[in-house]
């Protein structure tokens, strides 16, 4: 996120999205405890926190989070998507899928990824 601070400082709106397959108060508590909005505010960036539930289904795969992220970006008419990129072993990626891979394969706007 720090790499994107100069870009976010020029943005009209910044949304920090947290995706979770759990529901209820625990999800909100976990998301707000790690809330980066105060960090962004110290850099003069006004941002909002958006907690996005992802329906948990049997056989849930991580690529669904990537798809949900791209959907949110489209709904908000985002010009840029900033996200962390984490890799896993080839076997784990094959079995579980991956949000990073889903975004790279389906991106329709520029994406800034950092590990």
C-alpha atoms as a PDB file:
ATOM      1  CA  UNK A   1       0.000   0.000   0.000  1.00  0.00           C
ATOM      2  CA  UNK A   2       2.853   2.337   0.733  1.00  0.00           C
ATOM      3  CA  UNK A   3       4.001   2.194  -2.888  1.00  0.00           C
ATOM      4  CA  UNK A   4       0.616   3.506  -3.979  1.00  0.00           C
ATOM      5  CA  UNK A   5       0.424   6.457  -1.547  1.00  0.00           C
ATOM      6  CA  UNK A   6       1.307   9.089  -4.188  1.00  0.00           C
ATOM      7  CA  UNK A   7      -1.395   7.735  -6.502  1.00  0.00           C
ATOM      8  CA  UNK A   8      -4.003   7.462  -3.752  1.00  0.00           C
ATOM      9  CA  UNK A   9      -3.252  11.016  -2.610  1.00  0.00           C
ATOM     10  CA  UNK A  10      -4.440  12.255  -6.010  1.00  0.00           C
ATOM     11  CA  UNK A  11      -7.562  10.063  -6.092  1.00  0.00           C
ATOM     12  CA  UNK A  12     -11.069  11.467  -5.677  1.00  0.00           C
ATOM     13  CA  UNK A  13     -12.121   8.434  -3.643  1.00  0.00           C
ATOM     14  CA  UNK A  14     -10.255   5.540  -2.040  1.00  0.00           C
ATOM     15  CA  UNK A  15     -11.980   2.376  -0.866  1.00  0.00           C
ATOM     16  CA  UNK A  16     -10.225  -0.206   1.271  1.00  0.00           C
ATOM     17  CA  UNK A  17     -11.994  -3.532   0.740  1.00  0.00           C
ATOM     18  CA  UNK A  18     -11.844  -6.469   3.115  1.00  0.00           C
ATOM     19  CA  UNK A  19     -13.231  -9.749   1.783  1.00  0.00           C
ATOM     20  CA  UNK A  20     -14.348 -12.438   4.158  1.00  0.00           C
ATOM     21  CA  UNK A  21     -16.225 -15.708   3.896  1.00  0.00           C
ATOM     22  CA  UNK A  22     -17.373 -15.578   7.511  1.00  0.00           C
ATOM     23  CA  UNK A  23     -20.334 -13.522   8.552  1.00  0.00           C
ATOM     24  CA  UNK A  24     -21.334 -11.678  11.670  1.00  0.00           C
ATOM     25  CA  UNK A  25     -19.810  -9.337  14.205  1.00  0.00           C
ATOM     26  CA  UNK A  26     -16.505 -11.215  14.280  1.00  0.00           C
ATOM     27  CA  UNK A  27     -15.818 -10.320  10.648  1.00  0.00           C
ATOM     28  CA  UNK A  28     -16.445  -6.638  11.324  1.00  0.00           C
ATOM     29  CA  UNK A  29     -14.261  -6.715  14.454  1.00  0.00           C
ATOM     30  CA  UNK A  30     -11.396  -8.417  12.614  1.00  0.00           C
ATOM     31  CA  UNK A  31     -11.611  -6.004   9.678  1.00  0.00           C
ATOM     32  CA  UNK A  32     -11.710  -2.873  11.800  1.00  0.00           C
ATOM     33  CA  UNK A  33      -8.844  -4.017  14.032  1.00  0.00           C
ATOM     34  CA  UNK A  34      -6.528  -4.018  11.009  1.00  0.00           C
ATOM     35  CA  UNK A  35      -8.162  -0.958   9.445  1.00  0.00           C
ATOM     36  CA  UNK A  36      -5.622   0.971   7.307  1.00  0.00           C
ATOM     37  CA  UNK A  37      -7.917   4.019   7.029  1.00  0.00           C
ATOM     38  CA  UNK A  38      -6.205   5.859   9.951  1.00  0.00           C
ATOM     39  CA  UNK A  39      -2.807   5.177   8.349  1.00  0.00           C
ATOM     40  CA  UNK A  40      -4.033   6.676   5.085  1.00  0.00           C
ATOM     41  CA  UNK A  41      -5.515   9.671   6.927  1.00  0.00           C
ATOM     42  CA  UNK A  42      -2.074  10.441   8.401  1.00  0.00           C
ATOM     43  CA  UNK A  43      -0.911  10.780   4.787  1.00  0.00           C
ATOM     44  CA  UNK A  44      -3.770  13.111   3.870  1.00  0.00           C
ATOM     45  CA  UNK A  45      -5.824  10.430   2.111  1.00  0.00           C
ATOM     46  CA  UNK A  46      -9.514  10.116   2.886  1.00  0.00           C
ATOM     47  CA  UNK A  47     -10.605   6.510   2.517  1.00  0.00           C
ATOM     48  CA  UNK A  48     -13.565   4.362   3.428  1.00  0.00           C
ATOM     49  CA  UNK A  49     -13.515   0.792   4.694  1.00  0.00           C
ATOM     50  CA  UNK A  50     -15.784  -1.631   2.860  1.00  0.00           C
ATOM     51  CA  UNK A  51     -16.318  -5.107   4.298  1.00  0.00           C
ATOM     52  CA  UNK A  52     -17.442  -7.376   1.485  1.00  0.00           C
ATOM     53  CA  UNK A  53     -18.882 -10.773   2.367  1.00  0.00           C
ATOM     54  CA  UNK A  54     -18.083 -13.599  -0.011  1.00  0.00           C
ATOM     55  CA  UNK A  55     -20.619 -16.383   0.128  1.00  0.00           C
ATOM     56  CA  UNK A  56     -19.047 -19.440   1.673  1.00  0.00           C
ATOM     57  CA  UNK A  57     -19.903 -22.565  -0.250  1.00  0.00           C
ATOM     58  CA  UNK A  58     -18.752 -26.119  -0.035  1.00  0.00           C
ATOM     59  CA  UNK A  59     -15.618 -26.341  -2.137  1.00  0.00           C
ATOM     60  CA  UNK A  60     -15.029 -22.571  -1.782  1.00  0.00           C
ATOM     61  CA  UNK A  61     -12.047 -21.537  -3.840  1.00  0.00           C
ATOM     62  CA  UNK A  62      -9.871 -18.483  -3.328  1.00  0.00           C
ATOM     63  CA  UNK A  63     -10.390 -17.302  -6.909  1.00  0.00           C
ATOM     64  CA  UNK A  64     -13.897 -16.256  -5.842  1.00  0.00           C
ATOM     65  CA  UNK A  65     -12.311 -13.497  -3.746  1.00  0.00           C
ATOM     66  CA  UNK A  66     -10.408 -12.288  -6.819  1.00  0.00           C
ATOM     67  CA  UNK A  67     -13.615 -12.296  -8.836  1.00  0.00           C
ATOM     68  CA  UNK A  68     -15.417 -10.386  -6.056  1.00  0.00           C
ATOM     69  CA  UNK A  69     -12.602  -7.809  -6.000  1.00  0.00           C
ATOM     70  CA  UNK A  70     -12.882  -7.232  -9.753  1.00  0.00           C
ATOM     71  CA  UNK A  71     -16.664  -6.948  -9.440  1.00  0.00           C
ATOM     72  CA  UNK A  72     -16.338  -4.341  -6.678  1.00  0.00           C
ATOM     73  CA  UNK A  73     -13.841  -2.366  -8.763  1.00  0.00           C
ATOM     74  CA  UNK A  74     -16.267  -2.377 -11.699  1.00  0.00           C
ATOM     75  CA  UNK A  75     -19.224  -1.372  -9.500  1.00  0.00           C
ATOM     76  CA  UNK A  76     -17.244   1.576  -8.111  1.00  0.00           C
ATOM     77  CA  UNK A  77     -15.935   2.563 -11.570  1.00  0.00           C
ATOM     78  CA  UNK A  78     -12.397   2.324 -10.221  1.00  0.00           C
ATOM     79  CA  UNK A  79      -9.503   3.624 -12.294  1.00  0.00           C
ATOM     80  CA  UNK A  80      -6.827   1.640 -10.427  1.00  0.00           C
ATOM     81  CA  UNK A  81      -6.753  -1.444  -8.227  1.00  0.00           C
ATOM     82  CA  UNK A  82      -4.046  -1.660  -5.568  1.00  0.00           C
ATOM     83  CA  UNK A  83      -3.528  -5.020  -3.898  1.00  0.00           C
ATOM     84  CA  UNK A  84      -0.997  -7.217  -2.217  1.00  0.00           C
ATOM     85  CA  UNK A  85       0.173 -10.187  -4.265  1.00  0.00           C
ATOM     86  CA  UNK A  86       1.013 -13.391  -2.502  1.00  0.00           C
ATOM     87  CA  UNK A  87       2.218 -16.533  -4.164  1.00  0.00           C
ATOM     88  CA  UNK A  88       1.837 -20.085  -2.956  1.00  0.00           C
ATOM     89  CA  UNK A  89       3.316 -23.356  -4.104  1.00  0.00           C
ATOM     90  CA  UNK A  90       2.177 -24.521  -7.537  1.00  0.00           C
ATOM     91  CA  UNK A  91       0.338 -27.464  -5.938  1.00  0.00           C
ATOM     92  CA  UNK A  92      -1.551 -25.228  -3.495  1.00  0.00           C
ATOM     93  CA  UNK A  93      -2.478 -22.767  -6.237  1.00  0.00           C
ATOM     94  CA  UNK A  94      -3.778 -25.625  -8.395  1.00  0.00           C
ATOM     95  CA  UNK A  95      -5.918 -27.014  -5.590  1.00  0.00           C
ATOM     96  CA  UNK A  96      -7.113 -23.757  -3.990  1.00  0.00           C
ATOM     97  CA  UNK A  97      -6.914 -21.257  -6.818  1.00  0.00           C
ATOM     98  CA  UNK A  98      -5.776 -17.746  -5.970  1.00  0.00           C
ATOM     99  CA  UNK A  99      -7.113 -14.219  -5.769  1.00  0.00           C
ATOM    100  CA  UNK A 100      -3.906 -12.839  -7.280  1.00  0.00           C
ATOM    101  CA  UNK A 101      -4.147 -15.147 -10.290  1.00  0.00           C
ATOM    102  CA  UNK A 102      -7.855 -14.360 -10.775  1.00  0.00           C
ATOM    103  CA  UNK A 103      -7.184 -10.637 -10.802  1.00  0.00           C
ATOM    104  CA  UNK A 104      -4.257 -10.971 -13.214  1.00  0.00           C
ATOM    105  CA  UNK A 105      -6.299 -13.138 -15.574  1.00  0.00           C
ATOM    106  CA  UNK A 106      -9.456 -11.034 -15.467  1.00  0.00           C
ATOM    107  CA  UNK A 107      -8.331  -7.454 -14.851  1.00  0.00           C
ATOM    108  CA  UNK A 108     -10.095  -4.772 -16.833  1.00  0.00           C
ATOM    109  CA  UNK A 109      -8.350  -1.808 -15.182  1.00  0.00           C
ATOM    110  CA  UNK A 110      -4.713  -1.147 -14.274  1.00  0.00           C
ATOM    111  CA  UNK A 111      -3.566  -3.127 -11.216  1.00  0.00           C
ATOM    112  CA  UNK A 112      -0.688  -2.206  -8.914  1.00  0.00           C
ATOM    113  CA  UNK A 113       0.476  -5.283  -7.038  1.00  0.00           C
ATOM    114  CA  UNK A 114       3.141  -5.480  -4.372  1.00  0.00           C
ATOM    115  CA  UNK A 115       4.401  -8.358  -2.279  1.00  0.00           C
END
